[in-house]
Protein backbone atom coordinates (compact mmCIF):
# COMPACT_ATOMS: atom_id res chain seq x y z
CA MET A 1 -1.21 75.51 131.34
CA LEU A 2 -3.17 72.21 132.51
CA SER A 3 -1.13 70.28 134.74
CA ARG A 4 -1.87 67.24 132.84
CA THR A 5 -0.35 68.82 129.72
CA ALA A 6 2.72 69.93 131.65
CA ASP A 7 3.11 66.37 133.10
CA HIS A 8 3.27 64.87 129.65
CA LEU A 9 5.78 67.42 128.29
CA PHE A 10 7.77 67.04 131.52
CA TRP A 11 7.86 63.23 131.24
CA MET A 12 8.38 63.22 127.40
CA SER A 13 11.67 65.11 127.88
CA ARG A 14 12.66 63.04 130.89
CA TYR A 15 12.39 59.72 129.00
CA THR A 16 14.17 61.01 126.09
CA GLU A 17 16.93 62.11 128.27
CA ARG A 18 16.98 58.94 130.41
CA ALA A 19 17.25 56.82 127.16
CA GLU A 20 20.38 58.90 126.22
CA ASN A 21 22.04 58.59 129.62
CA THR A 22 21.29 55.02 129.90
CA ALA A 23 23.12 54.76 126.60
CA ARG A 24 25.97 56.74 127.90
CA MET A 25 26.28 54.77 131.20
CA LEU A 26 26.17 51.24 129.14
CA ASN A 27 28.77 52.67 126.85
CA VAL A 28 31.28 53.55 129.40
CA SER A 29 30.65 50.04 131.12
CA TYR A 30 31.11 48.35 127.79
CA ASP A 31 34.28 50.22 126.91
CA THR A 32 35.78 49.41 130.42
CA SER A 33 34.74 45.80 129.93
CA MET A 34 37.11 45.49 127.18
CA LEU A 35 40.21 46.23 129.60
CA PRO A 36 42.03 43.52 131.16
CA MET A 37 40.43 42.43 134.54
CA ARG A 38 39.53 39.53 136.65
CA PRO A 39 36.24 37.75 135.87
CA GLU A 40 35.01 38.66 139.47
CA ASP A 41 35.84 42.28 138.84
CA ALA A 42 34.00 42.29 135.54
CA GLU A 43 30.99 40.80 137.11
CA ARG A 44 31.19 43.43 140.01
CA ALA A 45 31.36 46.13 137.48
CA TRP A 46 28.28 45.10 135.58
CA GLN A 47 26.52 44.40 139.16
CA GLY A 48 27.40 48.09 139.88
CA VAL A 49 25.48 49.35 136.77
CA LEU A 50 22.31 47.37 137.99
CA SER A 51 22.73 48.75 141.51
CA ILE A 52 23.14 52.34 140.39
CA SER A 53 19.85 52.11 138.47
CA GLU A 54 18.22 50.34 141.23
CA LEU A 55 17.50 47.35 139.06
CA VAL A 56 19.09 44.37 140.95
CA PRO A 57 15.83 42.60 142.13
CA ALA A 58 14.13 43.08 138.57
CA TYR A 59 17.33 41.62 136.92
CA GLN A 60 17.52 38.64 139.44
CA ALA A 61 14.00 37.85 138.62
CA ARG A 62 14.74 37.26 134.91
CA TYR A 63 18.44 36.11 134.95
CA ARG A 64 20.48 33.86 137.08
CA GLN A 65 23.96 35.23 136.49
CA VAL A 66 25.14 38.67 135.88
CA THR A 67 26.92 38.84 132.46
CA ARG A 68 27.57 41.59 130.07
CA ASP A 69 25.30 40.46 127.46
CA ASN A 70 22.29 39.85 129.77
CA VAL A 71 22.83 43.34 131.32
CA LEU A 72 22.96 44.91 127.97
CA PHE A 73 19.91 43.22 126.74
CA PHE A 74 17.93 43.89 129.91
CA MET A 75 18.84 47.56 130.01
CA VAL A 76 18.45 48.12 126.24
CA ALA A 77 15.67 45.90 124.58
CA ASP A 78 13.91 44.30 127.51
CA GLU A 79 10.21 45.77 127.34
CA THR A 80 9.50 44.21 130.88
CA ASN A 81 12.15 46.80 132.31
CA PRO A 82 10.50 50.09 132.72
CA THR A 83 13.81 52.01 132.55
CA SER A 84 15.17 50.07 129.30
CA ILE A 85 16.04 52.26 126.39
CA VAL A 86 13.09 50.69 124.49
CA SER A 87 10.67 51.40 127.33
CA CYS A 88 11.91 54.90 127.71
CA LEU A 89 11.59 55.87 123.99
CA ARG A 90 8.23 54.38 123.79
CA ALA A 91 6.98 56.37 126.83
CA ALA A 92 8.54 59.52 125.34
CA ARG A 93 6.66 59.00 122.07
CA GLU A 94 3.36 58.20 123.95
CA ASN A 95 3.78 61.13 125.96
CA ALA A 96 4.26 63.33 122.97
CA ARG A 97 1.37 61.87 121.31
CA ALA A 98 -0.89 62.91 124.29
CA VAL A 99 0.11 66.48 123.77
CA ARG A 100 0.53 66.44 119.91
CA GLY A 101 -1.39 69.84 119.70
CA THR A 102 1.19 71.50 121.97
CA LEU A 103 4.23 70.38 119.96
CA THR A 104 5.39 71.59 116.62
CA THR A 105 5.17 69.10 113.77
CA GLU A 106 8.91 68.75 113.71
CA VAL A 107 9.13 67.85 117.42
CA TRP A 108 6.43 65.22 116.98
CA GLU A 109 7.86 63.62 113.89
CA THR A 110 11.29 63.41 115.50
CA GLN A 111 9.81 61.70 118.52
CA ASN A 112 7.74 59.25 116.27
CA GLN A 113 10.63 58.51 113.83
CA THR A 114 12.97 57.73 116.66
CA TRP A 115 10.59 55.08 118.07
CA LEU A 116 9.91 53.62 114.53
CA ALA A 117 13.82 53.45 113.81
CA LEU A 118 14.52 51.98 117.10
CA ARG A 119 12.26 49.09 116.56
CA LYS A 120 14.07 48.50 113.14
CA GLN A 121 17.43 48.60 114.79
CA LEU A 122 16.66 46.06 117.32
CA GLN A 123 15.12 43.75 114.83
CA ASP A 124 18.13 44.05 112.71
CA GLY A 125 20.50 43.18 115.59
CA ALA A 126 22.20 46.44 115.82
CA LEU A 127 22.92 46.08 119.58
CA GLU A 128 24.61 42.61 119.05
CA LYS A 129 26.63 43.71 116.04
CA ASP A 130 28.05 46.68 117.50
CA PRO A 131 26.90 48.02 120.78
CA GLY A 132 29.04 51.25 120.79
CA GLN A 133 27.65 52.31 117.47
CA PHE A 134 24.09 51.49 118.64
CA PHE A 135 24.66 53.71 121.84
CA GLU A 136 25.91 56.42 119.70
CA TRP A 137 22.59 56.31 117.52
CA VAL A 138 20.59 56.68 120.67
CA LYS A 139 22.62 59.72 121.77
CA TYR A 140 22.17 61.21 118.30
CA ARG A 141 18.42 60.97 118.30
CA SER A 142 18.35 62.60 121.69
CA HIS A 143 20.55 65.34 120.46
CA LEU A 144 18.21 65.72 117.52
CA SER A 145 15.05 65.90 119.82
CA ARG A 146 16.41 68.68 122.01
CA GLY A 147 17.77 70.54 118.83
CA VAL A 148 14.38 70.32 117.43
CA VAL A 149 12.80 71.62 120.39
CA LEU A 150 15.17 74.63 120.56
CA GLY A 151 14.76 75.44 116.95
CA THR A 152 11.00 75.20 116.57
CA MET A 153 9.07 75.57 119.82
CA LEU A 154 7.72 78.82 121.06
CA GLN A 155 9.53 79.71 124.32
CA ASP A 156 6.49 79.63 126.52
CA GLU A 157 5.61 77.33 129.48
CA ALA A 158 5.32 74.29 127.51
CA PHE A 159 9.08 74.91 126.40
CA ASN A 160 9.99 75.46 130.03
CA PHE A 161 8.58 72.22 131.36
CA LEU A 162 10.27 70.46 128.40
CA ARG A 163 13.74 72.05 129.60
CA LEU A 164 12.95 71.39 133.14
CA GLY A 165 12.34 67.63 132.59
CA THR A 166 15.54 67.39 130.63
CA PHE A 167 17.96 68.84 133.20
CA LEU A 168 16.33 67.35 136.22
CA GLU A 169 16.77 63.95 134.45
CA ARG A 170 20.41 64.78 133.39
CA ALA A 171 21.23 65.85 136.94
CA ASP A 172 20.10 62.49 138.25
CA ASN A 173 21.81 60.43 135.40
CA THR A 174 25.04 62.32 135.54
CA ALA A 175 25.40 61.64 139.17
CA ARG A 176 24.55 57.86 138.62
CA LEU A 177 27.06 57.64 135.74
CA LEU A 178 29.83 59.10 137.79
CA ASP A 179 29.06 56.77 140.71
CA VAL A 180 29.16 53.78 138.18
CA ARG A 181 32.87 54.18 138.29
CA PHE A 182 33.11 53.89 142.10
CA HIS A 183 30.67 51.10 142.29
CA ALA A 184 33.06 48.85 140.57
CA ILE A 185 35.29 48.88 143.57
CA SER A 186 34.64 47.83 147.13
CA ARG A 187 35.23 51.02 148.90
CA ASP A 188 34.33 54.71 148.56
CA TYR A 189 36.60 57.22 146.99
CA TYR A 190 38.51 59.75 149.17
CA GLY A 191 41.27 60.70 146.84
CA THR A 192 44.03 59.13 144.83
CA ASP A 193 45.85 56.23 146.28
CA LEU A 194 49.36 56.85 144.91
CA SER A 195 50.67 53.81 146.58
CA ARG A 196 48.76 51.57 144.24
CA LYS A 197 51.21 50.16 141.53
CA GLY A 198 49.75 50.73 138.13
CA ALA A 199 47.02 53.06 139.52
CA GLN A 200 47.71 55.95 137.09
CA GLN A 201 47.57 53.72 134.09
CA PHE A 202 44.37 51.94 135.20
CA ASP A 203 42.63 55.02 136.26
CA PHE A 204 43.59 56.81 132.76
CA TYR A 205 41.72 54.25 130.81
CA HIS A 206 38.77 54.09 133.06
CA TRP A 207 38.35 57.82 133.62
CA SER A 208 39.08 58.59 129.99
CA ALA A 209 36.24 56.29 128.82
CA LEU A 210 33.89 58.09 131.40
CA LEU A 211 34.86 61.50 130.00
CA HIS A 212 34.25 60.14 126.29
CA SER A 213 30.78 58.81 127.67
CA VAL A 214 29.71 62.50 128.61
CA SER A 215 31.43 64.17 125.76
CA ALA A 216 33.93 65.80 128.03
CA PHE A 217 37.18 64.44 127.16
CA GLU A 218 38.21 67.51 125.00
CA VAL A 219 36.74 69.79 127.58
CA TYR A 220 38.78 68.30 130.24
CA ARG A 221 41.88 68.65 128.19
CA LYS A 222 41.06 72.47 127.50
CA VAL A 223 40.28 73.08 131.13
CA TYR A 224 43.05 71.30 133.05
CA ARG A 225 45.68 70.66 130.21
CA ASP A 226 47.16 67.81 132.50
CA VAL A 227 47.08 64.12 133.08
CA ILE A 228 43.56 62.85 133.92
CA THR A 229 43.02 62.35 137.61
CA PRO A 230 39.87 61.23 139.39
CA GLU A 231 39.64 64.41 141.44
CA ARG A 232 39.59 66.63 138.61
CA VAL A 233 37.03 64.46 136.70
CA ALA A 234 34.69 64.66 139.74
CA GLU A 235 35.35 68.53 139.88
CA LEU A 236 34.35 68.77 136.21
CA LEU A 237 31.31 66.89 136.30
CA VAL A 238 30.13 68.09 139.54
CA LEU A 239 31.02 71.56 140.15
CA ARG A 240 32.04 73.31 136.83
CA ALA A 241 29.25 75.67 135.79
CA ASP A 242 30.40 75.83 132.43
CA MET A 243 30.29 71.99 131.70
CA PRO A 244 26.96 71.15 130.04
CA ARG A 245 26.33 68.05 131.64
CA SER A 246 27.77 68.84 135.20
CA LEU A 247 25.45 68.84 138.23
CA HIS A 248 25.98 72.56 138.78
CA ALA A 249 24.96 73.31 135.25
CA CYS A 250 21.95 71.09 135.41
CA LEU A 251 20.47 72.69 138.56
CA ARG A 252 21.24 76.07 137.19
CA GLU A 253 18.74 75.46 134.52
CA VAL A 254 16.32 73.66 136.68
CA VAL A 255 16.22 76.78 138.93
CA TYR A 256 15.91 79.12 136.06
CA ASN A 257 12.86 77.12 134.52
CA LEU A 258 11.26 76.75 137.82
CA LYS A 259 11.41 80.49 138.18
CA VAL A 260 9.85 81.30 134.92
CA VAL A 261 6.75 78.87 135.65
CA ALA A 262 6.52 79.81 139.23
CA HIS A 263 3.41 80.32 140.99
CA GLU A 264 2.34 81.32 144.65
CA GLY A 265 1.74 77.76 145.75
CA ALA A 266 5.12 76.29 144.39
CA LEU A 267 7.63 77.77 146.88
CA ASP A 268 8.67 74.25 148.08
CA SER A 269 10.16 73.03 144.82
CA GLN A 270 11.87 76.46 144.28
CA ARG A 271 13.32 76.53 147.75
CA ARG A 272 14.78 72.91 147.37
CA ALA A 273 16.16 73.58 143.87
CA GLY A 274 17.74 76.73 145.14
CA ARG A 275 19.46 75.19 148.13
CA LEU A 276 20.77 72.40 146.05
CA LEU A 277 22.18 74.84 143.47
CA ALA A 278 23.81 76.87 146.20
CA ASP A 279 25.57 73.88 147.60
CA LEU A 280 26.98 73.26 143.96
CA GLN A 281 27.89 76.89 143.51
CA TYR A 282 29.90 77.24 146.60
CA GLY A 283 31.13 73.58 147.15
CA GLN A 284 34.73 72.55 146.82
CA ILE A 285 35.91 69.14 145.51
CA ASP A 286 38.32 68.74 148.60
CA GLU A 287 35.39 68.97 150.92
CA ILE A 288 33.36 66.67 148.92
CA LEU A 289 36.07 63.97 148.85
CA GLU A 290 36.44 64.16 152.63
CA THR A 291 33.26 62.73 153.13
CA GLY A 292 33.54 60.23 149.99
CA LEU A 293 32.41 60.80 146.69
CA HIS A 294 29.97 57.81 146.61
CA ALA A 295 28.47 59.07 149.71
CA TYR A 296 28.01 62.53 148.38
CA LEU A 297 26.52 61.35 145.10
CA THR A 298 24.07 59.01 146.86
CA GLN A 299 22.98 62.09 148.93
CA PHE A 300 22.67 64.17 145.85
CA LEU A 301 20.47 61.62 144.22
CA ASP A 302 18.18 61.42 147.22
CA ARG A 303 17.81 65.37 147.06
CA VAL A 304 17.07 65.31 143.30
CA ASN A 305 14.53 62.70 143.63
CA GLN A 306 12.89 64.62 146.42
CA LEU A 307 12.89 67.76 144.36
CA GLY A 308 11.09 65.78 141.53
CA GLU A 309 8.46 64.83 144.04
CA PHE A 310 7.92 68.25 144.92
CA ILE A 311 7.76 69.57 141.46
CA ALA A 312 5.18 67.01 140.74
CA LYS A 313 3.26 68.13 143.73
CA ASP A 314 3.39 71.75 142.69
CA TYR A 315 2.92 71.58 138.91
CA LEU A 316 2.10 68.16 137.57
CA VAL A 317 -0.39 66.15 139.46
CA PRO A 318 -3.94 67.02 138.25
CA GLU A 319 -6.38 68.32 141.23
CA LEU A 320 -8.95 65.72 141.84
């Protein structure tokens, strides 16, 4: 396959997944903002969303104050923000159009209709009327896109690059989404502080909102059958191989798809992906919490970004 074609397929799926995960991150932040909290805590929480997405300088260039409405608009409908939902879905559609002949008609039409429907949603004020419902719509369109790919695409190299982009992006965004919860506090997380008054009730609402945002609330109940604790939420979203959005599950898919498309000159990306997967396969949540969950997730994000650079070098960048 031409590296340029692989590049378009890879980024089409990454941008679609990024739009969904941005919607998930904003949804959990919006839900938790409804809980009673001091104004400075609320501002810190939204500041955390921008920090995790590495958007603080870009946001400050356009807005003087960090508020819920400004952050929502900036990360959803601001076309000057390259990682906003509108920018991501536009980029996904443009990448799909560039490789129209490689995709099935159903895949192309799904991408095109999503972009057209998004513009109408924003023009009709869907975000302002009901942010939660709008975020659900974005998630649904992403689910539809993946389902059409699975149901209509030949499982050849094009399919593998679509899947590779999806799971690499999901790993990155799951780590960021999990870290948002800890960015809202001023210290790293090493385990539950049972001495805090009201800690269990406070954490229950925040962690249940996080679980709902990654469609994992019912999974958590099925696996643990107990009260929601931060340690178990972290374990579920980091180390559980059978949790679809966990870091472990995502890296397993990345390693598999890299293996399928591998060639002799692409050993660096395979090696890095394999090491990252091995750390997740044999890791334990207690060991992770000893170093601090925020520190662990920050290191994981660095390694995933480096893996993406090696994949681009090995497969996606056209030779000049």
